[in-house]
């Protein structure tokens, strides 16, 4: 009997979590919709703005001072 009760409580918690997330996303999500936002994204579409701003990015591993693990940092400089 207690196994069945535990299963029912677990399924109720899962359903409540699902319903709560759905309700929160409805209330807290974006409200304004327009034709541009509703357009599907196509990677083959032509660019709209100027195609400038090339960046060269070099990744290096730097030791982290707070612990023994290492952290990744990126220093980006404008390209030619």
Foldseek 3Di string as FASTA:
>chain_A
DVVVVVVVVVVVVVVVVVVVVVVCCVVVPDDDDDPVNPDDDDPPDDDDDDPDWDKDKDKDWDQDPVDRDIDIDIDIDTDD
